[in-house]
């Protein structure tokens, strides 16, 4: 008899204290990650700026649940023109989630 895997508990971030620092860190980290994954593209900086703005704005509005923040990035990046990029809104949201989990020391592999 197979038992369903237990649900992954939500990850709640502490309230934002230094929005400019958080935005700058996320923009720079995401830009580096995007450039490393494929060839560096000019549009990667624009993507990183947009994603970090969405993330920090959501945080300033009081959203601290990482899952909700990821969904907000997917939703708001749907209107972004990804035609000059290897990426899409889901890849960007997942990359942001991975960076946040890594910064918190949480292993993001295999649902651990």
PDB file of N, CA and C in Angstrom:
ATOM      1  N   UNK A   1       0.839  -1.181   0.000  1.00  0.00           N
ATOM      2  CA  UNK A   1       0.000   0.000   0.000  1.00  0.00           C
ATOM      3  C   UNK A   1       0.890   1.253   0.000  1.00  0.00           C
ATOM      4  N   UNK A   2       0.661   2.107  -0.960  1.00  0.00           N
ATOM      5  CA  UNK A   2       1.434   3.346  -1.042  1.00  0.00           C
ATOM      6  C   UNK A   2       0.805   4.406  -0.149  1.00  0.00           C
ATOM      7  N   UNK A   3       1.658   5.068   0.591  1.00  0.00           N
ATOM      8  CA  UNK A   3       1.194   6.168   1.432  1.00  0.00           C
ATOM      9  C   UNK A   3       1.562   7.463   0.732  1.00  0.00           C
ATOM     10  N   UNK A   4       0.633   8.406   0.666  1.00  0.00           N
ATOM     11  CA  UNK A   4       0.981   9.679   0.018  1.00  0.00           C
ATOM     12  C   UNK A   4       2.085  10.389   0.794  1.00  0.00           C
ATOM     13  N   UNK A   5       2.903  11.090   0.048  1.00  0.00           N
ATOM     14  CA  UNK A   5       3.964  11.872   0.691  1.00  0.00           C
ATOM     15  C   UNK A   5       3.314  12.968   1.526  1.00  0.00           C
ATOM     16  N   UNK A   6       3.907  13.269   2.669  1.00  0.00           N
ATOM     17  CA  UNK A   6       3.339  14.354   3.474  1.00  0.00           C
ATOM     18  C   UNK A   6       3.479  15.676   2.725  1.00  0.00           C
ATOM     19  N   UNK A   7       2.538  16.577   2.920  1.00  0.00           N
ATOM     20  CA  UNK A   7       2.638  17.862   2.226  1.00  0.00           C
ATOM     21  C   UNK A   7       3.887  18.616   2.669  1.00  0.00           C
ATOM     22  N   UNK A   8       4.430  19.380   1.755  1.00  0.00           N
ATOM     23  CA  UNK A   8       5.597  20.209   2.084  1.00  0.00           C
ATOM     24  C   UNK A   8       5.084  21.421   2.862  1.00  0.00           C
ATOM     25  N   UNK A   9       5.633  21.644   4.042  1.00  0.00           N
ATOM     26  CA  UNK A   9       5.136  22.782   4.832  1.00  0.00           C
ATOM     27  C   UNK A   9       5.459  24.103   4.127  1.00  0.00           C
ATOM     28  N   UNK A  10       4.605  25.099   4.313  1.00  0.00           N
ATOM     29  CA  UNK A  10       4.873  26.397   3.688  1.00  0.00           C
ATOM     30  C   UNK A  10       6.142  27.010   4.269  1.00  0.00           C
ATOM     31  N   UNK A  11       6.779  27.811   3.463  1.00  0.00           N
ATOM     32  CA  UNK A  11       7.979  28.512   3.904  1.00  0.00           C
ATOM     33  C   UNK A  11       7.619  29.985   4.033  1.00  0.00           C
ATOM     34  N   UNK A  12       7.692  30.478   5.254  1.00  0.00           N
ATOM     35  CA  UNK A  12       7.352  31.873   5.525  1.00  0.00           C
ATOM     36  C   UNK A  12       8.637  32.646   5.795  1.00  0.00           C
ATOM     37  N   UNK A  13       8.830  33.687   5.021  1.00  0.00           N
ATOM     38  CA  UNK A  13      10.012  34.536   5.180  1.00  0.00           C
ATOM     39  C   UNK A  13       9.771  35.527   6.315  1.00  0.00           C
ATOM     40  N   UNK A  14      10.842  35.939   6.985  1.00  0.00           N
ATOM     41  CA  UNK A  14      10.671  36.984   8.002  1.00  0.00           C
ATOM     42  C   UNK A  14      10.247  38.281   7.312  1.00  0.00           C
ATOM     43  N   UNK A  15       9.560  39.161   8.017  1.00  0.00           N
ATOM     44  CA  UNK A  15       9.160  40.438   7.401  1.00  0.00           C
ATOM     45  C   UNK A  15      10.369  41.163   6.805  1.00  0.00           C
ATOM     46  N   UNK A  16      10.123  41.867   5.730  1.00  0.00           N
ATOM     47  CA  UNK A  16      11.203  42.574   5.037  1.00  0.00           C
ATOM     48  C   UNK A  16      11.688  43.747   5.901  1.00  0.00           C
ATOM     49  N   UNK A  17      13.001  43.871   6.017  1.00  0.00           N
ATOM     50  CA  UNK A  17      13.568  44.953   6.821  1.00  0.00           C
ATOM     51  C   UNK A  17      14.340  45.954   5.974  1.00  0.00           C
ATOM     52  N   UNK A  18      15.034  45.462   4.949  1.00  0.00           N
ATOM     53  CA  UNK A  18      15.827  46.340   4.086  1.00  0.00           C
ATOM     54  C   UNK A  18      15.460  46.074   2.627  1.00  0.00           C
ATOM     55  N   UNK A  19      14.339  46.664   2.164  1.00  0.00           N
ATOM     56  CA  UNK A  19      13.860  46.371   0.818  1.00  0.00           C
ATOM     57  C   UNK A  19      14.878  46.659  -0.282  1.00  0.00           C
ATOM     58  N   UNK A  20      15.616  47.758  -0.184  1.00  0.00           N
ATOM     59  CA  UNK A  20      16.584  48.084  -1.240  1.00  0.00           C
ATOM     60  C   UNK A  20      17.703  47.046  -1.304  1.00  0.00           C
ATOM     61  N   UNK A  21      18.167  46.612  -0.129  1.00  0.00           N
ATOM     62  CA  UNK A  21      19.219  45.600  -0.077  1.00  0.00           C
ATOM     63  C   UNK A  21      18.708  44.275  -0.634  1.00  0.00           C
ATOM     64  N   UNK A  22      17.503  43.902  -0.244  1.00  0.00           N
ATOM     65  CA  UNK A  22      16.909  42.644  -0.712  1.00  0.00           C
ATOM     66  C   UNK A  22      16.709  42.681  -2.233  1.00  0.00           C
ATOM     67  N   UNK A  23      16.214  43.802  -2.741  1.00  0.00           N
ATOM     68  CA  UNK A  23      15.984  43.936  -4.184  1.00  0.00           C
ATOM     69  C   UNK A  23      17.300  43.849  -4.953  1.00  0.00           C
ATOM     70  N   UNK A  24      18.320  44.553  -4.461  1.00  0.00           N
ATOM     71  CA  UNK A  24      19.629  44.552  -5.135  1.00  0.00           C
ATOM     72  C   UNK A  24      20.233  43.146  -5.127  1.00  0.00           C
ATOM     73  N   UNK A  25      20.170  42.470  -3.978  1.00  0.00           N
ATOM     74  CA  UNK A  25      20.710  41.110  -3.879  1.00  0.00           C
ATOM     75  C   UNK A  25      19.996  40.170  -4.842  1.00  0.00           C
ATOM     76  N   UNK A  26      18.670  40.228  -4.868  1.00  0.00           N
ATOM     77  CA  UNK A  26      17.915  39.330  -5.738  1.00  0.00           C
ATOM     78  C   UNK A  26      18.187  39.633  -7.208  1.00  0.00           C
ATOM     79  N   UNK A  27      18.221  40.901  -7.573  1.00  0.00           N
ATOM     80  CA  UNK A  27      18.492  41.275  -8.968  1.00  0.00           C
ATOM     81  C   UNK A  27      19.859  40.760  -9.404  1.00  0.00           C
ATOM     82  N   UNK A  28      20.883  41.007  -8.586  1.00  0.00           N
ATOM     83  CA  UNK A  28      22.238  40.589  -8.951  1.00  0.00           C
ATOM     84  C   UNK A  28      22.362  39.062  -8.974  1.00  0.00           C
ATOM     85  N   UNK A  29      21.791  38.394  -7.996  1.00  0.00           N
ATOM     86  CA  UNK A  29      21.880  36.933  -7.920  1.00  0.00           C
ATOM     87  C   UNK A  29      21.135  36.274  -9.076  1.00  0.00           C
ATOM     88  N   UNK A  30      19.946  36.782  -9.390  1.00  0.00           N
ATOM     89  CA  UNK A  30      19.157  36.217 -10.482  1.00  0.00           C
ATOM     90  C   UNK A  30      19.839  36.470 -11.821  1.00  0.00           C
ATOM     91  N   UNK A  31      20.368  37.670 -12.013  1.00  0.00           N
ATOM     92  CA  UNK A  31      21.068  37.991 -13.256  1.00  0.00           C
ATOM     93  C   UNK A  31      22.254  37.044 -13.466  1.00  0.00           C
ATOM     94  N   UNK A  32      23.041  36.829 -12.422  1.00  0.00           N
ATOM     95  CA  UNK A  32      24.183  35.903 -12.507  1.00  0.00           C
ATOM     96  C   UNK A  32      23.726  34.491 -12.843  1.00  0.00           C
ATOM     97  N   UNK A  33      22.672  34.041 -12.180  1.00  0.00           N
ATOM     98  CA  UNK A  33      22.144  32.695 -12.420  1.00  0.00           C
ATOM     99  C   UNK A  33      21.663  32.533 -13.858  1.00  0.00           C
ATOM    100  N   UNK A  34      20.923  33.515 -14.362  1.00  0.00           N
ATOM    101  CA  UNK A  34      20.408  33.436 -15.733  1.00  0.00           C
ATOM    102  C   UNK A  34      21.553  33.417 -16.745  1.00  0.00           C
ATOM    103  N   UNK A  35      22.556  34.258 -16.522  1.00  0.00           N
ATOM    104  CA  UNK A  35      23.714  34.290 -17.433  1.00  0.00           C
ATOM    105  C   UNK A  35      24.492  32.981 -17.392  1.00  0.00           C
ATOM    106  N   UNK A  36      24.536  32.345 -16.228  1.00  0.00           N
ATOM    107  CA  UNK A  36      25.298  31.105 -16.069  1.00  0.00           C
ATOM    108  C   UNK A  36      24.587  29.917 -16.726  1.00  0.00           C
ATOM    109  N   UNK A  37      23.262  29.887 -16.669  1.00  0.00           N
ATOM    110  CA  UNK A  37      22.490  28.759 -17.182  1.00  0.00           C
ATOM    111  C   UNK A  37      22.619  28.602 -18.701  1.00  0.00           C
ATOM    112  N   UNK A  38      22.545  29.690 -19.424  1.00  0.00           N
ATOM    113  CA  UNK A  38      22.696  29.689 -20.874  1.00  0.00           C
ATOM    114  C   UNK A  38      23.740  30.735 -21.212  1.00  0.00           C
ATOM    115  N   UNK A  39      23.736  31.217 -22.431  1.00  0.00           N
ATOM    116  CA  UNK A  39      24.667  32.290 -22.759  1.00  0.00           C
ATOM    117  C   UNK A  39      24.150  33.603 -22.161  1.00  0.00           C
ATOM    118  N   UNK A  40      25.056  34.454 -21.717  1.00  0.00           N
ATOM    119  CA  UNK A  40      24.601  35.744 -21.184  1.00  0.00           C
ATOM    120  C   UNK A  40      23.843  36.529 -22.262  1.00  0.00           C
ATOM    121  N   UNK A  41      22.693  37.039 -21.894  1.00  0.00           N
ATOM    122  CA  UNK A  41      21.881  37.831 -22.813  1.00  0.00           C
ATOM    123  C   UNK A  41      21.554  39.159 -22.152  1.00  0.00           C
ATOM    124  N   UNK A  42      21.435  40.193 -22.958  1.00  0.00           N
ATOM    125  CA  UNK A  42      21.089  41.510 -22.437  1.00  0.00           C
ATOM    126  C   UNK A  42      19.760  41.491 -21.690  1.00  0.00           C
ATOM    127  N   UNK A  43      18.809  40.730 -22.223  1.00  0.00           N
ATOM    128  CA  UNK A  43      17.470  40.691 -21.634  1.00  0.00           C
ATOM    129  C   UNK A  43      17.487  40.103 -20.217  1.00  0.00           C
ATOM    130  N   UNK A  44      18.520  39.346 -19.871  1.00  0.00           N
ATOM    131  CA  UNK A  44      18.579  38.762 -18.528  1.00  0.00           C
ATOM    132  C   UNK A  44      18.566  39.825 -17.439  1.00  0.00           C
ATOM    133  N   UNK A  45      19.227  40.940 -17.685  1.00  0.00           N
ATOM    134  CA  UNK A  45      19.227  42.015 -16.688  1.00  0.00           C
ATOM    135  C   UNK A  45      17.824  42.591 -16.533  1.00  0.00           C
ATOM    136  N   UNK A  46      17.132  42.792 -17.646  1.00  0.00           N
ATOM    137  CA  UNK A  46      15.769  43.317 -17.596  1.00  0.00           C
ATOM    138  C   UNK A  46      14.851  42.357 -16.836  1.00  0.00           C
ATOM    139  N   UNK A  47      15.005  41.070 -17.103  1.00  0.00           N
ATOM    140  CA  UNK A  47      14.207  40.049 -16.403  1.00  0.00           C
ATOM    141  C   UNK A  47      14.500  40.092 -14.903  1.00  0.00           C
ATOM    142  N   UNK A  48      15.781  40.164 -14.547  1.00  0.00           N
ATOM    143  CA  UNK A  48      16.170  40.176 -13.135  1.00  0.00           C
ATOM    144  C   UNK A  48      15.634  41.419 -12.422  1.00  0.00           C
ATOM    145  N   UNK A  49      15.675  42.557 -13.094  1.00  0.00           N
ATOM    146  CA  UNK A  49      15.141  43.795 -12.506  1.00  0.00           C
ATOM    147  C   UNK A  49      13.644  43.634 -12.256  1.00  0.00           C
ATOM    148  N   UNK A  50      12.929  43.164 -13.265  1.00  0.00           N
ATOM    149  CA  UNK A  50      11.465  43.020 -13.156  1.00  0.00           C
ATOM    150  C   UNK A  50      11.081  42.031 -12.046  1.00  0.00           C
ATOM    151  N   UNK A  51      11.723  40.880 -12.022  1.00  0.00           N
ATOM    152  CA  UNK A  51      11.392  39.870 -11.009  1.00  0.00           C
ATOM    153  C   UNK A  51      11.694  40.375  -9.604  1.00  0.00           C
ATOM    154  N   UNK A  52      12.811  41.068  -9.432  1.00  0.00           N
ATOM    155  CA  UNK A  52      13.160  41.574  -8.096  1.00  0.00           C
ATOM    156  C   UNK A  52      12.194  42.672  -7.666  1.00  0.00           C
ATOM    157  N   UNK A  53      11.727  43.487  -8.615  1.00  0.00           N
ATOM    158  CA  UNK A  53      10.738  44.525  -8.286  1.00  0.00           C
ATOM    159  C   UNK A  53       9.428  43.898  -7.822  1.00  0.00           C
ATOM    160  N   UNK A  54       8.969  42.876  -8.530  1.00  0.00           N
ATOM    161  CA  UNK A  54       7.730  42.186  -8.155  1.00  0.00           C
ATOM    162  C   UNK A  54       7.876  41.576  -6.767  1.00  0.00           C
ATOM    163  N   UNK A  55       8.975  40.868  -6.559  1.00  0.00           N
ATOM    164  CA  UNK A  55       9.215  40.178  -5.293  1.00  0.00           C
ATOM    165  C   UNK A  55       9.198  41.166  -4.125  1.00  0.00           C
ATOM    166  N   UNK A  56       9.949  42.235  -4.237  1.00  0.00           N
ATOM    167  CA  UNK A  56      10.057  43.187  -3.129  1.00  0.00           C
ATOM    168  C   UNK A  56       8.747  43.951  -2.936  1.00  0.00           C
ATOM    169  N   UNK A  57       8.058  44.299  -4.011  1.00  0.00           N
ATOM    170  CA  UNK A  57       6.765  44.981  -3.857  1.00  0.00           C
ATOM    171  C   UNK A  57       5.780  44.091  -3.106  1.00  0.00           C
ATOM    172  N   UNK A  58       5.736  42.812  -3.473  1.00  0.00           N
ATOM    173  CA  UNK A  58       4.861  41.872  -2.775  1.00  0.00           C
ATOM    174  C   UNK A  58       5.236  41.770  -1.293  1.00  0.00           C
ATOM    175  N   UNK A  59       6.524  41.745  -1.028  1.00  0.00           N
ATOM    176  CA  UNK A  59       7.002  41.671   0.366  1.00  0.00           C
ATOM    177  C   UNK A  59       6.597  42.933   1.141  1.00  0.00           C
ATOM    178  N   UNK A  60       6.727  44.096   0.492  1.00  0.00           N
ATOM    179  CA  UNK A  60       6.348  45.344   1.149  1.00  0.00           C
ATOM    180  C   UNK A  60       4.843  45.399   1.412  1.00  0.00           C
ATOM    181  N   UNK A  61       4.064  44.692   0.604  1.00  0.00           N
ATOM    182  CA  UNK A  61       2.616  44.623   0.807  1.00  0.00           C
ATOM    183  C   UNK A  61       2.250  43.592   1.875  1.00  0.00           C
ATOM    184  N   UNK A  62       3.266  42.935   2.461  1.00  0.00           N
ATOM    185  CA  UNK A  62       3.020  42.028   3.574  1.00  0.00           C
ATOM    186  C   UNK A  62       3.005  40.553   3.214  1.00  0.00           C
ATOM    187  N   UNK A  63       3.295  40.214   1.968  1.00  0.00           N
ATOM    188  CA  UNK A  63       3.312  38.798   1.574  1.00  0.00           C
ATOM    189  C   UNK A  63       4.664  38.200   1.930  1.00  0.00           C
ATOM    190  N   UNK A  64       4.659  37.191   2.785  1.00  0.00           N
ATOM    191  CA  UNK A  64       5.901  36.555   3.208  1.00  0.00           C
ATOM    192  C   UNK A  64       5.929  35.057   2.925  1.00  0.00           C
ATOM    193  N   UNK A  65       4.833  34.517   2.367  1.00  0.00           N
ATOM    194  CA  UNK A  65       4.788  33.101   2.026  1.00  0.00           C
ATOM    195  C   UNK A  65       5.506  32.895   0.690  1.00  0.00           C
ATOM    196  N   UNK A  66       6.544  32.066   0.689  1.00  0.00           N
ATOM    197  CA  UNK A  66       7.356  31.894  -0.514  1.00  0.00           C
ATOM    198  C   UNK A  66       6.524  31.362  -1.687  1.00  0.00           C
ATOM    199  N   UNK A  67       5.615  30.436  -1.421  1.00  0.00           N
ATOM    200  CA  UNK A  67       4.762  29.905  -2.486  1.00  0.00           C
ATOM    201  C   UNK A  67       3.916  30.992  -3.125  1.00  0.00           C
ATOM    202  N   UNK A  68       3.350  31.857  -2.319  1.00  0.00           N
ATOM    203  CA  UNK A  68       2.541  32.962  -2.847  1.00  0.00           C
ATOM    204  C   UNK A  68       3.397  33.959  -3.618  1.00  0.00           C
ATOM    205  N   UNK A  69       4.620  34.182  -3.151  1.00  0.00           N
ATOM    206  CA  UNK A  69       5.532  35.089  -3.855  1.00  0.00           C
ATOM    207  C   UNK A  69       5.890  34.521  -5.228  1.00  0.00           C
ATOM    208  N   UNK A  70       6.116  33.214  -5.303  1.00  0.00           N
ATOM    209  CA  UNK A  70       6.433  32.564  -6.582  1.00  0.00           C
ATOM    210  C   UNK A  70       5.252  32.703  -7.539  1.00  0.00           C
ATOM    211  N   UNK A  71       4.037  32.474  -7.040  1.00  0.00           N
ATOM    212  CA  UNK A  71       2.843  32.601  -7.888  1.00  0.00           C
ATOM    213  C   UNK A  71       2.686  34.045  -8.378  1.00  0.00           C
ATOM    214  N   UNK A  72       2.974  35.005  -7.521  1.00  0.00           N
ATOM    215  CA  UNK A  72       2.886  36.412  -7.917  1.00  0.00           C
ATOM    216  C   UNK A  72       3.870  36.716  -9.047  1.00  0.00           C
ATOM    217  N   UNK A  73       5.071  36.164  -8.967  1.00  0.00           N
ATOM    218  CA  UNK A  73       6.061  36.389 -10.024  1.00  0.00           C
ATOM    219  C   UNK A  73       5.576  35.763 -11.330  1.00  0.00           C
ATOM    220  N   UNK A  74       5.079  34.530 -11.268  1.00  0.00           N
ATOM    221  CA  UNK A  74       4.552  33.882 -12.479  1.00  0.00           C
ATOM    222  C   UNK A  74       3.452  34.741 -13.089  1.00  0.00           C
ATOM    223  N   UNK A  75       2.501  35.147 -12.266  1.00  0.00           N
ATOM    224  CA  UNK A  75       1.347  35.907 -12.744  1.00  0.00           C
ATOM    225  C   UNK A  75       1.763  37.237 -13.365  1.00  0.00           C
ATOM    226  N   UNK A  76       2.614  37.971 -12.671  1.00  0.00           N
ATOM    227  CA  UNK A  76       2.994  39.300 -13.159  1.00  0.00           C
ATOM    228  C   UNK A  76       3.990  39.254 -14.315  1.00  0.00           C
ATOM    229  N   UNK A  77       4.745  38.165 -14.421  1.00  0.00           N
ATOM    230  CA  UNK A  77       5.711  38.058 -15.526  1.00  0.00           C
ATOM    231  C   UNK A  77       5.055  37.502 -16.795  1.00  0.00           C
ATOM    232  N   UNK A  78       3.798  37.072 -16.710  1.00  0.00           N
ATOM    233  CA  UNK A  78       3.109  36.566 -17.907  1.00  0.00           C
ATOM    234  C   UNK A  78       3.063  37.603 -19.016  1.00  0.00           C
ATOM    235  N   UNK A  79       3.003  38.868 -18.645  1.00  0.00           N
ATOM    236  CA  UNK A  79       2.921  39.925 -19.652  1.00  0.00           C
ATOM    237  C   UNK A  79       4.298  40.354 -20.164  1.00  0.00           C
ATOM    238  N   UNK A  80       5.362  39.800 -19.605  1.00  0.00           N
ATOM    239  CA  UNK A  80       6.722  40.152 -20.040  1.00  0.00           C
ATOM    240  C   UNK A  80       7.007  39.499 -21.387  1.00  0.00           C
ATOM    241  N   UNK A  81       7.704  40.189 -22.253  1.00  0.00           N
ATOM    242  CA  UNK A  81       8.056  39.656 -23.572  1.00  0.00           C
ATOM    243  C   UNK A  81       9.325  38.803 -23.446  1.00  0.00           C
ATOM    244  N   UNK A  82       9.138  37.499 -23.435  1.00  0.00           N
ATOM    245  CA  UNK A  82      10.260  36.565 -23.321  1.00  0.00           C
ATOM    246  C   UNK A  82      10.788  36.123 -24.689  1.00  0.00           C
ATOM    247  N   UNK A  83      10.389  36.789 -25.765  1.00  0.00           N
ATOM    248  CA  UNK A  83      10.773  36.345 -27.109  1.00  0.00           C
ATOM    249  C   UNK A  83      12.278  36.402 -27.354  1.00  0.00           C
ATOM    250  N   UNK A  84      13.009  37.231 -26.614  1.00  0.00           N
ATOM    251  CA  UNK A  84      14.466  37.311 -26.774  1.00  0.00           C
ATOM    252  C   UNK A  84      15.203  36.569 -25.669  1.00  0.00           C
ATOM    253  N   UNK A  85      14.520  35.613 -25.057  1.00  0.00           N
ATOM    254  CA  UNK A  85      15.091  34.915 -23.919  1.00  0.00           C
ATOM    255  C   UNK A  85      14.882  33.414 -24.043  1.00  0.00           C
ATOM    256  N   UNK A  86      15.745  32.662 -23.371  1.00  0.00           N
ATOM    257  CA  UNK A  86      15.570  31.214 -23.261  1.00  0.00           C
ATOM    258  C   UNK A  86      14.531  30.879 -22.188  1.00  0.00           C
ATOM    259  N   UNK A  87      14.173  31.858 -21.391  1.00  0.00           N
ATOM    260  CA  UNK A  87      13.367  31.637 -20.201  1.00  0.00           C
ATOM    261  C   UNK A  87      11.907  32.003 -20.411  1.00  0.00           C
ATOM    262  N   UNK A  88      11.093  31.623 -19.425  1.00  0.00           N
ATOM    263  CA  UNK A  88       9.693  32.008 -19.345  1.00  0.00           C
ATOM    264  C   UNK A  88       9.381  32.326 -17.893  1.00  0.00           C
ATOM    265  N   UNK A  89       8.142  32.715 -17.635  1.00  0.00           N
ATOM    266  CA  UNK A  89       7.790  33.156 -16.286  1.00  0.00           C
ATOM    267  C   UNK A  89       7.940  32.061 -15.229  1.00  0.00           C
ATOM    268  N   UNK A  90       7.674  30.798 -15.592  1.00  0.00           N
ATOM    269  CA  UNK A  90       7.808  29.726 -14.598  1.00  0.00           C
ATOM    270  C   UNK A  90       9.277  29.491 -14.236  1.00  0.00           C
ATOM    271  N   UNK A  91      10.146  29.517 -15.236  1.00  0.00           N
ATOM    272  CA  UNK A  91      11.578  29.333 -14.978  1.00  0.00           C
ATOM    273  C   UNK A  91      12.116  30.448 -14.087  1.00  0.00           C
ATOM    274  N   UNK A  92      11.657  31.666 -14.314  1.00  0.00           N
ATOM    275  CA  UNK A  92      12.116  32.809 -13.514  1.00  0.00           C
ATOM    276  C   UNK A  92      11.625  32.676 -12.074  1.00  0.00           C
ATOM    277  N   UNK A  93      10.350  32.345 -11.902  1.00  0.00           N
ATOM    278  CA  UNK A  93       9.800  32.194 -10.556  1.00  0.00           C
ATOM    279  C   UNK A  93      10.506  31.064  -9.811  1.00  0.00           C
ATOM    280  N   UNK A  94      10.773  29.966 -10.491  1.00  0.00           N
ATOM    281  CA  UNK A  94      11.484  28.853  -9.853  1.00  0.00           C
ATOM    282  C   UNK A  94      12.912  29.245  -9.485  1.00  0.00           C
ATOM    283  N   UNK A  95      13.566  30.014 -10.354  1.00  0.00           N
ATOM    284  CA  UNK A  95      14.931  30.467 -10.065  1.00  0.00           C
ATOM    285  C   UNK A  95      14.939  31.369  -8.828  1.00  0.00           C
ATOM    286  N   UNK A  96      13.955  32.261  -8.726  1.00  0.00           N
ATOM    287  CA  UNK A  96      13.863  33.131  -7.548  1.00  0.00           C
ATOM    288  C   UNK A  96      13.668  32.274  -6.298  1.00  0.00           C
ATOM    289  N   UNK A  97      12.772  31.301  -6.369  1.00  0.00           N
ATOM    290  CA  UNK A  97      12.528  30.409  -5.239  1.00  0.00           C
ATOM    291  C   UNK A  97      13.806  29.686  -4.833  1.00  0.00           C
ATOM    292  N   UNK A  98      14.540  29.158  -5.816  1.00  0.00           N
ATOM    293  CA  UNK A  98      15.798  28.461  -5.519  1.00  0.00           C
ATOM    294  C   UNK A  98      16.800  29.385  -4.831  1.00  0.00           C
ATOM    295  N   UNK A  99      16.903  30.618  -5.313  1.00  0.00           N
ATOM    296  CA  UNK A  99      17.843  31.570  -4.705  1.00  0.00           C
ATOM    297  C   UNK A  99      17.452  31.888  -3.257  1.00  0.00           C
ATOM    298  N   UNK A 100      16.160  32.074  -3.028  1.00  0.00           N
ATOM    299  CA  UNK A 100      15.688  32.380  -1.669  1.00  0.00           C
ATOM    300  C   UNK A 100      15.939  31.189  -0.747  1.00  0.00           C
ATOM    301  N   UNK A 101      15.574  29.984  -1.206  1.00  0.00           N
ATOM    302  CA  UNK A 101      15.793  28.788  -0.386  1.00  0.00           C
ATOM    303  C   UNK A 101      17.280  28.617  -0.068  1.00  0.00           C
ATOM    304  N   UNK A 102      18.122  28.818  -1.077  1.00  0.00           N
ATOM    305  CA  UNK A 102      19.564  28.698  -0.870  1.00  0.00           C
ATOM    306  C   UNK A 102      20.047  29.731   0.157  1.00  0.00           C
ATOM    307  N   UNK A 103      19.528  30.949   0.073  1.00  0.00           N
ATOM    308  CA  UNK A 103      19.951  31.999   1.006  1.00  0.00           C
ATOM    309  C   UNK A 103      19.524  31.671   2.442  1.00  0.00           C
ATOM    310  N   UNK A 104      18.460  30.876   2.576  1.00  0.00           N
ATOM    311  CA  UNK A 104      17.969  30.468   3.892  1.00  0.00           C
ATOM    312  C   UNK A 104      18.629  29.173   4.374  1.00  0.00           C
ATOM    313  N   UNK A 105      19.464  28.574   3.519  1.00  0.00           N
ATOM    314  CA  UNK A 105      20.119  27.325   3.876  1.00  0.00           C
ATOM    315  C   UNK A 105      19.199  26.129   3.774  1.00  0.00           C
ATOM    316  N   UNK A 106      18.155  26.235   2.940  1.00  0.00           N
ATOM    317  CA  UNK A 106      17.205  25.136   2.760  1.00  0.00           C
ATOM    318  C   UNK A 106      17.526  24.426   1.458  1.00  0.00           C
ATOM    319  N   UNK A 107      17.692  23.096   1.520  1.00  0.00           N
ATOM    320  CA  UNK A 107      17.988  22.298   0.336  1.00  0.00           C
ATOM    321  C   UNK A 107      16.750  22.282  -0.541  1.00  0.00           C
ATOM    322  N   UNK A 108      16.889  22.714  -1.801  1.00  0.00           N
ATOM    323  CA  UNK A 108      15.726  22.777  -2.681  1.00  0.00           C
ATOM    324  C   UNK A 108      15.655  21.567  -3.601  1.00  0.00           C
ATOM    325  N   UNK A 109      16.474  20.574  -3.387  1.00  0.00           N
ATOM    326  CA  UNK A 109      16.483  19.381  -4.237  1.00  0.00           C
ATOM    327  C   UNK A 109      15.483  18.350  -3.743  1.00  0.00           C
ATOM    328  N   UNK A 110      14.759  17.835  -4.649  1.00  0.00           N
ATOM    329  CA  UNK A 110      13.918  16.655  -4.382  1.00  0.00           C
ATOM    330  C   UNK A 110      12.904  16.870  -3.279  1.00  0.00           C
ATOM    331  N   UNK A 111      12.434  18.087  -3.121  1.00  0.00           N
ATOM    332  CA  UNK A 111      11.416  18.372  -2.108  1.00  0.00           C
ATOM    333  C   UNK A 111      11.923  18.307  -0.681  1.00  0.00           C
ATOM    334  N   UNK A 112      13.244  18.275  -0.514  1.00  0.00           N
ATOM    335  CA  UNK A 112      13.809  18.158   0.844  1.00  0.00           C
ATOM    336  C   UNK A 112      13.725  19.494   1.550  1.00  0.00           C
TER     337      UNK A 112
END
